[in-house]
């Protein structure tokens, strides 16, 4: 079974992004979190739909 691992710094970035969006408009942060989750779910369902051509340490 495939899994998506999110680095601690990426997790922090996502949380900060959600907080930022909530400050812009209440509830928008939740929508952002749901969009990220839906994207991760799509990647897990169909990983071959898009591929990373070059793996580098810069990928979060």
PDB file of N, CA and C in Angstrom:
ATOM      1  N   UNK A   1       0.837  -1.180   0.000  1.00  0.00           N
ATOM      2  CA  UNK A   1       0.000   0.000   0.000  1.00  0.00           C
ATOM      3  C   UNK A   1       0.884   1.246   0.000  1.00  0.00           C
ATOM      4  N   UNK A   2       0.557   2.174  -0.858  1.00  0.00           N
ATOM      5  CA  UNK A   2       1.315   3.416  -0.944  1.00  0.00           C
ATOM      6  C   UNK A   2       0.931   4.363   0.182  1.00  0.00           C
ATOM      7  N   UNK A   3       1.915   5.155   0.585  1.00  0.00           N
ATOM      8  CA  UNK A   3       1.686   6.183   1.599  1.00  0.00           C
ATOM      9  C   UNK A   3       2.376   7.456   1.147  1.00  0.00           C
ATOM     10  N   UNK A   4       1.873   8.560   1.595  1.00  0.00           N
ATOM     11  CA  UNK A   4       2.539   9.836   1.359  1.00  0.00           C
ATOM     12  C   UNK A   4       3.146  10.264   2.682  1.00  0.00           C
ATOM     13  N   UNK A   5       4.453  10.474   2.652  1.00  0.00           N
ATOM     14  CA  UNK A   5       5.134  10.968   3.850  1.00  0.00           C
ATOM     15  C   UNK A   5       5.305  12.470   3.710  1.00  0.00           C
ATOM     16  N   UNK A   6       4.923  13.175   4.723  1.00  0.00           N
ATOM     17  CA  UNK A   6       5.039  14.630   4.732  1.00  0.00           C
ATOM     18  C   UNK A   6       6.102  14.986   5.764  1.00  0.00           C
ATOM     19  N   UNK A   7       7.120  15.697   5.320  1.00  0.00           N
ATOM     20  CA  UNK A   7       8.199  16.076   6.234  1.00  0.00           C
ATOM     21  C   UNK A   7       7.674  17.054   7.284  1.00  0.00           C
ATOM     22  N   UNK A   8       8.335  17.129   8.423  1.00  0.00           N
ATOM     23  CA  UNK A   8       7.898  18.066   9.461  1.00  0.00           C
ATOM     24  C   UNK A   8       7.831  19.512   8.965  1.00  0.00           C
ATOM     25  N   UNK A   9       8.784  19.929   8.155  1.00  0.00           N
ATOM     26  CA  UNK A   9       8.759  21.310   7.662  1.00  0.00           C
ATOM     27  C   UNK A   9       7.585  21.532   6.710  1.00  0.00           C
ATOM     28  N   UNK A  10       7.247  20.524   5.926  1.00  0.00           N
ATOM     29  CA  UNK A  10       6.092  20.641   5.034  1.00  0.00           C
ATOM     30  C   UNK A  10       4.802  20.681   5.843  1.00  0.00           C
ATOM     31  N   UNK A  11       4.721  19.847   6.864  1.00  0.00           N
ATOM     32  CA  UNK A  11       3.548  19.860   7.750  1.00  0.00           C
ATOM     33  C   UNK A  11       3.378  21.243   8.373  1.00  0.00           C
ATOM     34  N   UNK A  12       4.481  21.829   8.801  1.00  0.00           N
ATOM     35  CA  UNK A  12       4.433  23.173   9.381  1.00  0.00           C
ATOM     36  C   UNK A  12       3.976  24.194   8.341  1.00  0.00           C
ATOM     37  N   UNK A  13       4.501  24.086   7.121  1.00  0.00           N
ATOM     38  CA  UNK A  13       4.085  24.993   6.044  1.00  0.00           C
ATOM     39  C   UNK A  13       2.583  24.884   5.779  1.00  0.00           C
ATOM     40  N   UNK A  14       2.068  23.658   5.756  1.00  0.00           N
ATOM     41  CA  UNK A  14       0.641  23.453   5.511  1.00  0.00           C
ATOM     42  C   UNK A  14      -0.201  24.052   6.638  1.00  0.00           C
ATOM     43  N   UNK A  15       0.240  23.862   7.874  1.00  0.00           N
ATOM     44  CA  UNK A  15      -0.493  24.430   9.008  1.00  0.00           C
ATOM     45  C   UNK A  15      -0.470  25.956   8.969  1.00  0.00           C
ATOM     46  N   UNK A  16       0.690  26.518   8.648  1.00  0.00           N
ATOM     47  CA  UNK A  16       0.789  27.975   8.552  1.00  0.00           C
ATOM     48  C   UNK A  16      -0.081  28.508   7.414  1.00  0.00           C
ATOM     49  N   UNK A  17      -0.120  27.759   6.315  1.00  0.00           N
ATOM     50  CA  UNK A  17      -0.974  28.157   5.198  1.00  0.00           C
ATOM     51  C   UNK A  17      -2.440  28.173   5.593  1.00  0.00           C
ATOM     52  N   UNK A  18      -2.868  27.143   6.312  1.00  0.00           N
ATOM     53  CA  UNK A  18      -4.263  27.075   6.759  1.00  0.00           C
ATOM     54  C   UNK A  18      -4.587  28.233   7.701  1.00  0.00           C
ATOM     55  N   UNK A  19      -3.666  28.547   8.602  1.00  0.00           N
ATOM     56  CA  UNK A  19      -3.885  29.678   9.522  1.00  0.00           C
ATOM     57  C   UNK A  19      -3.988  30.988   8.747  1.00  0.00           C
ATOM     58  N   UNK A  20      -3.113  31.149   7.765  1.00  0.00           N
ATOM     59  CA  UNK A  20      -3.139  32.362   6.940  1.00  0.00           C
ATOM     60  C   UNK A  20      -4.492  32.503   6.242  1.00  0.00           C
ATOM     61  N   UNK A  21      -4.951  31.422   5.610  1.00  0.00           N
ATOM     62  CA  UNK A  21      -6.225  31.476   4.898  1.00  0.00           C
ATOM     63  C   UNK A  21      -7.388  31.749   5.845  1.00  0.00           C
ATOM     64  N   UNK A  22      -7.331  31.200   7.052  1.00  0.00           N
ATOM     65  CA  UNK A  22      -8.394  31.468   8.031  1.00  0.00           C
ATOM     66  C   UNK A  22      -8.414  32.929   8.460  1.00  0.00           C
ATOM     67  N   UNK A  23      -7.239  33.556   8.488  1.00  0.00           N
ATOM     68  CA  UNK A  23      -7.207  34.985   8.817  1.00  0.00           C
ATOM     69  C   UNK A  23      -7.807  35.813   7.682  1.00  0.00           C
ATOM     70  N   UNK A  24      -7.662  35.347   6.456  1.00  0.00           N
ATOM     71  CA  UNK A  24      -8.222  36.057   5.313  1.00  0.00           C
ATOM     72  C   UNK A  24      -9.738  35.927   5.272  1.00  0.00           C
ATOM     73  N   UNK A  25     -10.192  34.716   5.588  1.00  0.00           N
ATOM     74  CA  UNK A  25     -11.640  34.441   5.580  1.00  0.00           C
ATOM     75  C   UNK A  25     -11.894  33.222   6.460  1.00  0.00           C
ATOM     76  N   UNK A  26     -12.703  33.355   7.492  1.00  0.00           N
ATOM     77  CA  UNK A  26     -12.990  32.213   8.357  1.00  0.00           C
ATOM     78  C   UNK A  26     -13.482  31.009   7.542  1.00  0.00           C
ATOM     79  N   UNK A  27     -12.897  29.846   7.831  1.00  0.00           N
ATOM     80  CA  UNK A  27     -13.281  28.620   7.137  1.00  0.00           C
ATOM     81  C   UNK A  27     -12.453  28.318   5.905  1.00  0.00           C
ATOM     82  N   UNK A  28     -11.738  29.316   5.395  1.00  0.00           N
ATOM     83  CA  UNK A  28     -10.949  29.105   4.181  1.00  0.00           C
ATOM     84  C   UNK A  28      -9.778  28.161   4.443  1.00  0.00           C
ATOM     85  N   UNK A  29      -9.230  28.204   5.660  1.00  0.00           N
ATOM     86  CA  UNK A  29      -8.138  27.295   6.017  1.00  0.00           C
ATOM     87  C   UNK A  29      -8.584  25.845   5.961  1.00  0.00           C
ATOM     88  N   UNK A  30      -9.793  25.584   6.404  1.00  0.00           N
ATOM     89  CA  UNK A  30     -10.347  24.222   6.356  1.00  0.00           C
ATOM     90  C   UNK A  30     -10.499  23.766   4.906  1.00  0.00           C
ATOM     91  N   UNK A  31     -10.938  24.675   4.054  1.00  0.00           N
ATOM     92  CA  UNK A  31     -11.070  24.336   2.628  1.00  0.00           C
ATOM     93  C   UNK A  31      -9.705  24.021   2.026  1.00  0.00           C
ATOM     94  N   UNK A  32      -8.691  24.778   2.435  1.00  0.00           N
ATOM     95  CA  UNK A  32      -7.326  24.526   1.978  1.00  0.00           C
ATOM     96  C   UNK A  32      -6.865  23.135   2.423  1.00  0.00           C
ATOM     97  N   UNK A  33      -7.079  22.812   3.699  1.00  0.00           N
ATOM     98  CA  UNK A  33      -6.690  21.497   4.213  1.00  0.00           C
ATOM     99  C   UNK A  33      -7.398  20.375   3.458  1.00  0.00           C
ATOM    100  N   UNK A  34      -8.684  20.562   3.165  1.00  0.00           N
ATOM    101  CA  UNK A  34      -9.441  19.555   2.415  1.00  0.00           C
ATOM    102  C   UNK A  34      -8.892  19.407   0.995  1.00  0.00           C
ATOM    103  N   UNK A  35      -8.516  20.515   0.375  1.00  0.00           N
ATOM    104  CA  UNK A  35      -7.959  20.457  -0.981  1.00  0.00           C
ATOM    105  C   UNK A  35      -6.637  19.694  -0.984  1.00  0.00           C
ATOM    106  N   UNK A  36      -5.815  19.913   0.026  1.00  0.00           N
ATOM    107  CA  UNK A  36      -4.546  19.181   0.134  1.00  0.00           C
ATOM    108  C   UNK A  36      -4.833  17.696   0.313  1.00  0.00           C
ATOM    109  N   UNK A  37      -5.769  17.363   1.203  1.00  0.00           N
ATOM    110  CA  UNK A  37      -6.114  15.957   1.442  1.00  0.00           C
ATOM    111  C   UNK A  37      -6.644  15.306   0.170  1.00  0.00           C
ATOM    112  N   UNK A  38      -7.513  16.000  -0.552  1.00  0.00           N
ATOM    113  CA  UNK A  38      -8.050  15.451  -1.801  1.00  0.00           C
ATOM    114  C   UNK A  38      -6.940  15.219  -2.821  1.00  0.00           C
ATOM    115  N   UNK A  39      -5.991  16.131  -2.875  1.00  0.00           N
ATOM    116  CA  UNK A  39      -4.871  15.976  -3.806  1.00  0.00           C
ATOM    117  C   UNK A  39      -4.027  14.769  -3.423  1.00  0.00           C
ATOM    118  N   UNK A  40      -3.722  14.613  -2.138  1.00  0.00           N
ATOM    119  CA  UNK A  40      -2.967  13.445  -1.685  1.00  0.00           C
ATOM    120  C   UNK A  40      -3.731  12.161  -2.014  1.00  0.00           C
ATOM    121  N   UNK A  41      -5.043  12.165  -1.795  1.00  0.00           N
ATOM    122  CA  UNK A  41      -5.858  10.983  -2.101  1.00  0.00           C
ATOM    123  C   UNK A  41      -5.798  10.633  -3.586  1.00  0.00           C
ATOM    124  N   UNK A  42      -5.836  11.644  -4.454  1.00  0.00           N
ATOM    125  CA  UNK A  42      -5.742  11.397  -5.900  1.00  0.00           C
ATOM    126  C   UNK A  42      -4.391  10.804  -6.264  1.00  0.00           C
ATOM    127  N   UNK A  43      -3.336  11.323  -5.662  1.00  0.00           N
ATOM    128  CA  UNK A  43      -1.993  10.797  -5.923  1.00  0.00           C
ATOM    129  C   UNK A  43      -1.920   9.333  -5.513  1.00  0.00           C
ATOM    130  N   UNK A  44      -2.504   8.994  -4.383  1.00  0.00           N
ATOM    131  CA  UNK A  44      -2.476   7.611  -3.916  1.00  0.00           C
ATOM    132  C   UNK A  44      -3.310   6.691  -4.800  1.00  0.00           C
ATOM    133  N   UNK A  45      -4.435   7.195  -5.321  1.00  0.00           N
ATOM    134  CA  UNK A  45      -5.295   6.376  -6.183  1.00  0.00           C
ATOM    135  C   UNK A  45      -4.668   6.142  -7.550  1.00  0.00           C
ATOM    136  N   UNK A  46      -4.044   7.170  -8.104  1.00  0.00           N
ATOM    137  CA  UNK A  46      -3.500   7.078  -9.461  1.00  0.00           C
ATOM    138  C   UNK A  46      -2.100   7.700  -9.487  1.00  0.00           C
ATOM    139  N   UNK A  47      -1.123   7.042  -8.880  1.00  0.00           N
ATOM    140  CA  UNK A  47       0.211   7.636  -8.791  1.00  0.00           C
ATOM    141  C   UNK A  47       0.888   7.823 -10.145  1.00  0.00           C
ATOM    142  N   UNK A  48       0.515   7.037 -11.124  1.00  0.00           N
ATOM    143  CA  UNK A  48       1.149   7.142 -12.439  1.00  0.00           C
ATOM    144  C   UNK A  48       0.577   8.278 -13.283  1.00  0.00           C
ATOM    145  N   UNK A  49      -0.437   8.962 -12.796  1.00  0.00           N
ATOM    146  CA  UNK A  49      -1.048  10.054 -13.559  1.00  0.00           C
ATOM    147  C   UNK A  49      -0.064  11.192 -13.796  1.00  0.00           C
ATOM    148  N   UNK A  50       0.844  11.377 -12.884  1.00  0.00           N
ATOM    149  CA  UNK A  50       1.889  12.394 -13.040  1.00  0.00           C
ATOM    150  C   UNK A  50       3.118  11.875 -12.325  1.00  0.00           C
ATOM    151  N   UNK A  51       4.251  12.099 -12.912  1.00  0.00           N
ATOM    152  CA  UNK A  51       5.467  11.597 -12.286  1.00  0.00           C
ATOM    153  C   UNK A  51       6.473  12.717 -12.105  1.00  0.00           C
ATOM    154  N   UNK A  52       7.331  12.515 -11.151  1.00  0.00           N
ATOM    155  CA  UNK A  52       8.431  13.442 -10.922  1.00  0.00           C
ATOM    156  C   UNK A  52       9.600  12.921 -11.744  1.00  0.00           C
ATOM    157  N   UNK A  53      10.086  13.725 -12.663  1.00  0.00           N
ATOM    158  CA  UNK A  53      11.136  13.246 -13.558  1.00  0.00           C
ATOM    159  C   UNK A  53      12.506  13.241 -12.901  1.00  0.00           C
ATOM    160  N   UNK A  54      12.758  14.165 -11.989  1.00  0.00           N
ATOM    161  CA  UNK A  54      14.055  14.228 -11.331  1.00  0.00           C
ATOM    162  C   UNK A  54      13.841  14.366  -9.836  1.00  0.00           C
ATOM    163  N   UNK A  55      14.352  13.421  -9.101  1.00  0.00           N
ATOM    164  CA  UNK A  55      14.239  13.488  -7.651  1.00  0.00           C
ATOM    165  C   UNK A  55      15.389  14.324  -7.112  1.00  0.00           C
ATOM    166  N   UNK A  56      15.062  15.313  -6.297  1.00  0.00           N
ATOM    167  CA  UNK A  56      16.089  16.138  -5.668  1.00  0.00           C
ATOM    168  C   UNK A  56      15.750  16.318  -4.202  1.00  0.00           C
ATOM    169  N   UNK A  57      16.695  16.791  -3.454  1.00  0.00           N
ATOM    170  CA  UNK A  57      16.456  17.012  -2.031  1.00  0.00           C
ATOM    171  C   UNK A  57      15.564  18.220  -1.792  1.00  0.00           C
ATOM    172  N   UNK A  58      15.270  18.996  -2.839  1.00  0.00           N
ATOM    173  CA  UNK A  58      14.428  20.181  -2.690  1.00  0.00           C
ATOM    174  C   UNK A  58      12.944  19.856  -2.644  1.00  0.00           C
ATOM    175  N   UNK A  59      12.573  18.640  -2.998  1.00  0.00           N
ATOM    176  CA  UNK A  59      11.158  18.262  -3.012  1.00  0.00           C
ATOM    177  C   UNK A  59      10.677  18.106  -1.584  1.00  0.00           C
ATOM    178  N   UNK A  60       9.555  18.751  -1.276  1.00  0.00           N
ATOM    179  CA  UNK A  60       9.013  18.665   0.084  1.00  0.00           C
ATOM    180  C   UNK A  60       7.932  17.630   0.135  1.00  0.00           C
TER     181      UNK A  60
END
